[in-house]
Amino acid sequence: MYYSPRYIDEAHRLTIFHEEHILRSSRCTCFYCGYQFDPQREQDLVWWDEESPKGRTLTCPKCGIDCILGDASGYPITDKRFIRLATEMWFSGYSRISDGLEPDKIKQTCIEVS
């Protein structure tokens, strides 16, 4: 299937302030590391934009990058071609997917700033 740059760009817009569609999803994909997970079962989800009236933004439980799409978004998040094109467009070829690496768990650290 052909995915236009515009289609991929529109998908990218749903990787921020996407709490509503993530919570309706049964599967999510990280377009940086390729990790796929069920947001209803995944432990220790980290959300950004806690105070935004637009909604929160989910970060990847494996790599910590805020580039998650859920299946409720309507985009083909399990299509390998779509995933490859999206990561190439969004990260200019600099990602774990582009490098052929498996998802890798990072240790997230909370930093308080006053």
N, C-alpha and C. Protein backbone atom coordinates (compact mmCIF):
# COMPACT_ATOMS: atom_id res chain seq x y z
N MET A 1 0.84 -1.18 0.00
CA MET A 1 0.00 0.00 0.00
C MET A 1 0.89 1.24 0.00
N TYR A 2 0.43 2.28 -0.68
CA TYR A 2 1.16 3.54 -0.76
C TYR A 2 0.70 4.47 0.38
N TYR A 3 1.67 5.05 1.08
CA TYR A 3 1.39 6.03 2.13
C TYR A 3 2.07 7.34 1.73
N SER A 4 1.26 8.35 1.49
CA SER A 4 1.81 9.64 1.08
C SER A 4 2.49 10.34 2.25
N PRO A 5 3.43 11.25 1.96
CA PRO A 5 4.04 12.04 3.03
C PRO A 5 2.99 12.80 3.85
N ARG A 6 1.94 13.27 3.19
CA ARG A 6 0.89 13.99 3.91
C ARG A 6 0.18 13.07 4.91
N TYR A 7 -0.11 11.85 4.50
CA TYR A 7 -0.76 10.87 5.37
C TYR A 7 0.11 10.59 6.60
N ILE A 8 1.39 10.43 6.38
CA ILE A 8 2.31 10.15 7.48
C ILE A 8 2.44 11.37 8.39
N ASP A 9 2.46 12.55 7.80
CA ASP A 9 2.52 13.78 8.60
C ASP A 9 1.27 13.94 9.46
N GLU A 10 0.11 13.59 8.91
CA GLU A 10 -1.14 13.66 9.67
C GLU A 10 -1.11 12.68 10.84
N ALA A 11 -0.54 11.51 10.62
CA ALA A 11 -0.41 10.53 11.71
C ALA A 11 0.50 11.07 12.81
N HIS A 12 1.56 11.74 12.41
CA HIS A 12 2.51 12.29 13.39
C HIS A 12 1.83 13.29 14.33
N ARG A 13 0.87 14.01 13.83
CA ARG A 13 0.15 14.99 14.66
C ARG A 13 -0.63 14.32 15.79
N LEU A 14 -0.90 13.03 15.66
CA LEU A 14 -1.64 12.31 16.70
C LEU A 14 -0.72 11.66 17.74
N THR A 15 0.56 11.99 17.71
CA THR A 15 1.47 11.44 18.72
C THR A 15 1.63 12.38 19.91
N ILE A 16 0.85 13.43 19.94
CA ILE A 16 0.89 14.38 21.05
C ILE A 16 -0.55 14.69 21.46
N PHE A 17 -0.75 14.91 22.75
CA PHE A 17 -2.09 15.19 23.29
C PHE A 17 -3.10 14.13 22.84
N HIS A 18 -2.72 12.88 22.91
CA HIS A 18 -3.51 11.78 22.33
C HIS A 18 -4.14 10.85 23.36
N GLU A 19 -4.25 11.32 24.56
CA GLU A 19 -4.77 10.49 25.65
C GLU A 19 -6.07 9.78 25.28
N GLU A 20 -6.99 10.50 24.67
CA GLU A 20 -8.30 9.93 24.35
C GLU A 20 -8.18 8.68 23.46
N HIS A 21 -7.42 8.79 22.37
CA HIS A 21 -7.35 7.62 21.48
C HIS A 21 -6.45 6.52 22.06
N ILE A 22 -5.48 6.86 22.87
CA ILE A 22 -4.65 5.83 23.51
C ILE A 22 -5.50 5.01 24.47
N LEU A 23 -6.33 5.67 25.26
CA LEU A 23 -7.16 4.96 26.23
C LEU A 23 -8.23 4.09 25.56
N ARG A 24 -8.56 4.37 24.31
CA ARG A 24 -9.51 3.54 23.56
C ARG A 24 -8.81 2.44 22.76
N SER A 25 -7.50 2.43 22.77
CA SER A 25 -6.72 1.49 21.97
C SER A 25 -6.44 0.20 22.72
N SER A 26 -6.31 -0.88 21.96
CA SER A 26 -5.90 -2.16 22.55
C SER A 26 -4.46 -2.50 22.16
N ARG A 27 -3.91 -1.72 21.24
CA ARG A 27 -2.52 -1.91 20.85
C ARG A 27 -1.94 -0.56 20.45
N CYS A 28 -0.69 -0.35 20.85
CA CYS A 28 0.04 0.87 20.51
C CYS A 28 1.39 0.48 19.92
N THR A 29 1.94 1.37 19.11
CA THR A 29 3.26 1.17 18.54
C THR A 29 4.09 2.43 18.75
N CYS A 30 5.34 2.24 19.14
CA CYS A 30 6.31 3.34 19.23
C CYS A 30 7.00 3.44 17.88
N PHE A 31 7.00 4.61 17.30
CA PHE A 31 7.60 4.79 15.99
C PHE A 31 9.06 5.21 16.08
N TYR A 32 9.65 5.10 17.26
CA TYR A 32 11.10 5.28 17.40
C TYR A 32 11.79 3.93 17.58
N CYS A 33 11.28 3.12 18.52
CA CYS A 33 11.95 1.84 18.79
C CYS A 33 11.19 0.63 18.28
N GLY A 34 9.90 0.79 17.92
CA GLY A 34 9.13 -0.31 17.38
C GLY A 34 8.38 -1.14 18.41
N TYR A 35 8.47 -0.77 19.67
CA TYR A 35 7.79 -1.54 20.71
C TYR A 35 6.29 -1.47 20.52
N GLN A 36 5.62 -2.62 20.60
CA GLN A 36 4.17 -2.70 20.53
C GLN A 36 3.64 -3.22 21.84
N PHE A 37 2.55 -2.61 22.33
CA PHE A 37 2.02 -2.98 23.64
C PHE A 37 0.55 -2.64 23.74
N ASP A 38 -0.09 -3.25 24.73
CA ASP A 38 -1.47 -2.98 25.06
C ASP A 38 -1.46 -1.94 26.19
N PRO A 39 -1.96 -0.74 25.95
CA PRO A 39 -1.91 0.30 26.98
C PRO A 39 -2.76 -0.01 28.20
N GLN A 40 -3.70 -0.95 28.07
CA GLN A 40 -4.53 -1.33 29.20
C GLN A 40 -3.79 -2.29 30.14
N ARG A 41 -2.78 -2.98 29.64
CA ARG A 41 -2.07 -3.98 30.43
C ARG A 41 -0.63 -3.58 30.77
N GLU A 42 -0.09 -2.64 30.05
CA GLU A 42 1.30 -2.23 30.27
C GLU A 42 1.45 -1.57 31.64
N GLN A 43 2.50 -1.93 32.32
CA GLN A 43 2.78 -1.37 33.65
C GLN A 43 3.58 -0.07 33.52
N ASP A 44 3.41 0.80 34.47
CA ASP A 44 4.24 2.01 34.60
C ASP A 44 4.21 2.92 33.37
N LEU A 45 3.04 3.25 32.88
CA LEU A 45 2.95 4.20 31.78
C LEU A 45 3.32 5.59 32.27
N VAL A 46 4.06 6.31 31.45
CA VAL A 46 4.47 7.68 31.78
C VAL A 46 3.80 8.62 30.79
N TRP A 47 3.06 9.57 31.35
CA TRP A 47 2.34 10.56 30.56
C TRP A 47 2.99 11.92 30.75
N TRP A 48 3.07 12.68 29.67
CA TRP A 48 3.53 14.06 29.71
C TRP A 48 2.33 14.97 29.50
N ASP A 49 2.55 16.26 29.65
CA ASP A 49 1.52 17.28 29.43
C ASP A 49 0.37 17.12 30.41
N GLU A 50 0.70 16.81 31.65
CA GLU A 50 -0.31 16.56 32.69
C GLU A 50 -1.29 17.72 32.86
N GLU A 51 -0.84 18.93 32.65
CA GLU A 51 -1.69 20.10 32.89
C GLU A 51 -2.34 20.64 31.62
N SER A 52 -2.09 20.04 30.48
CA SER A 52 -2.61 20.57 29.22
C SER A 52 -4.10 20.29 29.08
N PRO A 53 -4.87 21.30 28.72
CA PRO A 53 -6.30 21.07 28.46
C PRO A 53 -6.53 20.23 27.20
N LYS A 54 -5.50 20.06 26.37
CA LYS A 54 -5.62 19.27 25.14
C LYS A 54 -5.54 17.77 25.44
N GLY A 55 -5.08 17.40 26.62
CA GLY A 55 -4.92 15.99 26.97
C GLY A 55 -3.46 15.63 27.18
N ARG A 56 -3.25 14.47 27.72
CA ARG A 56 -1.88 14.03 28.01
C ARG A 56 -1.25 13.34 26.79
N THR A 57 0.08 13.20 26.85
CA THR A 57 0.86 12.55 25.81
C THR A 57 1.58 11.36 26.41
N LEU A 58 1.37 10.18 25.85
CA LEU A 58 2.01 8.97 26.35
C LEU A 58 3.41 8.83 25.78
N THR A 59 4.35 8.43 26.64
CA THR A 59 5.70 8.12 26.18
C THR A 59 5.86 6.61 26.13
N CYS A 60 6.80 6.15 25.34
CA CYS A 60 7.03 4.72 25.17
C CYS A 60 7.55 4.10 26.46
N PRO A 61 6.94 3.00 26.91
CA PRO A 61 7.41 2.32 28.12
C PRO A 61 8.79 1.69 27.96
N LYS A 62 9.26 1.52 26.74
CA LYS A 62 10.59 0.94 26.50
C LYS A 62 11.66 2.01 26.35
N CYS A 63 11.44 2.97 25.44
CA CYS A 63 12.52 3.91 25.12
C CYS A 63 12.29 5.32 25.65
N GLY A 64 11.07 5.64 26.09
CA GLY A 64 10.80 6.95 26.68
C GLY A 64 10.50 8.05 25.69
N ILE A 65 10.48 7.74 24.40
CA ILE A 65 10.21 8.77 23.38
C ILE A 65 8.70 8.97 23.25
N ASP A 66 8.29 10.19 22.99
CA ASP A 66 6.86 10.51 22.88
C ASP A 66 6.40 10.41 21.42
N CYS A 67 6.43 9.20 20.91
CA CYS A 67 6.06 8.97 19.51
C CYS A 67 5.20 7.72 19.40
N ILE A 68 4.08 7.71 20.13
CA ILE A 68 3.20 6.56 20.22
C ILE A 68 1.90 6.82 19.46
N LEU A 69 1.47 5.82 18.72
CA LEU A 69 0.14 5.84 18.11
C LEU A 69 -0.61 4.59 18.55
N GLY A 70 -1.89 4.75 18.84
CA GLY A 70 -2.73 3.61 19.19
C GLY A 70 -3.60 3.19 18.01
N ASP A 71 -4.09 1.96 18.05
CA ASP A 71 -4.92 1.49 16.95
C ASP A 71 -6.24 2.24 16.84
N ALA A 72 -6.70 2.87 17.90
CA ALA A 72 -7.93 3.67 17.83
C ALA A 72 -7.75 4.94 17.01
N SER A 73 -6.51 5.27 16.66
CA SER A 73 -6.25 6.44 15.82
C SER A 73 -6.72 6.22 14.39
N GLY A 74 -6.87 4.94 14.01
CA GLY A 74 -7.26 4.62 12.64
C GLY A 74 -6.09 4.41 11.70
N TYR A 75 -4.87 4.64 12.17
CA TYR A 75 -3.70 4.43 11.32
C TYR A 75 -3.21 2.98 11.43
N PRO A 76 -2.56 2.47 10.38
CA PRO A 76 -2.14 1.07 10.34
C PRO A 76 -0.87 0.82 11.16
N ILE A 77 -1.00 0.85 12.47
CA ILE A 77 0.16 0.83 13.36
C ILE A 77 0.91 -0.49 13.40
N THR A 78 0.38 -1.53 12.78
CA THR A 78 1.10 -2.80 12.73
C THR A 78 1.66 -3.11 11.34
N ASP A 79 1.41 -2.23 10.38
CA ASP A 79 1.91 -2.40 9.02
C ASP A 79 3.40 -2.01 9.00
N LYS A 80 4.26 -2.98 8.72
CA LYS A 80 5.70 -2.73 8.77
C LYS A 80 6.14 -1.63 7.80
N ARG A 81 5.51 -1.55 6.65
CA ARG A 81 5.87 -0.50 5.69
C ARG A 81 5.50 0.87 6.23
N PHE A 82 4.31 1.00 6.79
CA PHE A 82 3.90 2.27 7.38
C PHE A 82 4.85 2.67 8.53
N ILE A 83 5.18 1.71 9.38
CA ILE A 83 6.08 1.98 10.49
C ILE A 83 7.44 2.47 9.98
N ARG A 84 7.99 1.79 8.99
CA ARG A 84 9.29 2.16 8.43
C ARG A 84 9.24 3.56 7.82
N LEU A 85 8.22 3.86 7.02
CA LEU A 85 8.10 5.18 6.41
C LEU A 85 7.94 6.28 7.45
N ALA A 86 7.12 6.01 8.47
CA ALA A 86 6.90 7.01 9.52
C ALA A 86 8.18 7.29 10.29
N THR A 87 8.91 6.25 10.68
CA THR A 87 10.14 6.49 11.44
C THR A 87 11.19 7.20 10.59
N GLU A 88 11.25 6.88 9.31
CA GLU A 88 12.21 7.56 8.43
C GLU A 88 11.85 9.04 8.29
N MET A 89 10.57 9.33 8.16
CA MET A 89 10.14 10.72 8.00
C MET A 89 10.30 11.51 9.30
N TRP A 90 9.90 10.90 10.43
CA TRP A 90 9.89 11.62 11.69
C TRP A 90 11.28 11.76 12.31
N PHE A 91 12.13 10.78 12.08
CA PHE A 91 13.44 10.79 12.73
C PHE A 91 14.60 10.86 11.74
N SER A 92 14.32 11.12 10.49
CA SER A 92 15.33 11.27 9.44
C SER A 92 16.32 10.11 9.39
N GLY A 93 15.83 8.92 9.69
CA GLY A 93 16.69 7.75 9.62
C GLY A 93 17.46 7.45 10.88
N TYR A 94 17.28 8.26 11.93
CA TYR A 94 17.98 8.05 13.19
C TYR A 94 17.01 7.49 14.23
N SER A 95 16.86 6.19 14.24
CA SER A 95 15.98 5.55 15.22
C SER A 95 16.40 4.10 15.37
N ARG A 96 15.89 3.45 16.40
CA ARG A 96 16.20 2.03 16.60
C ARG A 96 15.63 1.21 15.44
N ILE A 97 14.46 1.60 14.92
CA ILE A 97 13.87 0.88 13.79
C ILE A 97 14.78 1.02 12.57
N SER A 98 15.20 2.25 12.26
CA SER A 98 16.06 2.48 11.11
C SER A 98 17.38 1.74 11.22
N ASP A 99 17.87 1.63 12.45
CA ASP A 99 19.14 0.94 12.69
C ASP A 99 18.98 -0.58 12.79
N GLY A 100 17.73 -1.08 12.71
CA GLY A 100 17.49 -2.51 12.79
C GLY A 100 17.66 -3.08 14.19
N LEU A 101 17.55 -2.23 15.21
CA LEU A 101 17.74 -2.65 16.59
C LEU A 101 16.40 -3.01 17.23
N GLU A 102 16.44 -3.92 18.17
CA GLU A 102 15.25 -4.30 18.93
C GLU A 102 14.93 -3.21 19.96
N PRO A 103 13.66 -3.12 20.38
CA PRO A 103 13.31 -2.19 21.46
C PRO A 103 14.16 -2.48 22.69
N ASP A 104 14.59 -1.46 23.36
CA ASP A 104 15.46 -1.62 24.53
C ASP A 104 14.88 -0.80 25.69
N LYS A 105 14.78 -1.43 26.85
CA LYS A 105 14.22 -0.76 28.03
C LYS A 105 15.21 0.24 28.59
N ILE A 106 14.74 1.45 28.79
CA ILE A 106 15.56 2.47 29.44
C ILE A 106 15.12 2.62 30.87
N LYS A 107 15.98 3.17 31.68
CA LYS A 107 15.61 3.47 33.06
C LYS A 107 15.25 4.95 33.11
N GLN A 108 13.98 5.21 33.35
CA GLN A 108 13.54 6.61 33.40
C GLN A 108 13.79 7.17 34.79
N THR A 109 14.21 8.40 34.83
CA THR A 109 14.49 9.09 36.07
C THR A 109 13.65 10.35 36.15
N CYS A 110 13.00 10.54 37.26
CA CYS A 110 12.19 11.73 37.47
C CYS A 110 13.09 12.84 38.05
N ILE A 111 13.04 14.00 37.41
CA ILE A 111 13.83 15.14 37.87
C ILE A 111 12.87 16.26 38.24
N GLU A 112 12.96 16.73 39.44
CA GLU A 112 12.14 17.87 39.86
C GLU A 112 12.90 19.16 39.68
N VAL A 113 12.23 20.13 39.11
CA VAL A 113 12.83 21.43 38.89
C VAL A 113 11.99 22.45 39.63
N SER A 114 12.66 23.28 40.39
CA SER A 114 11.89 24.30 41.12
C SER A 114 12.19 25.68 40.60
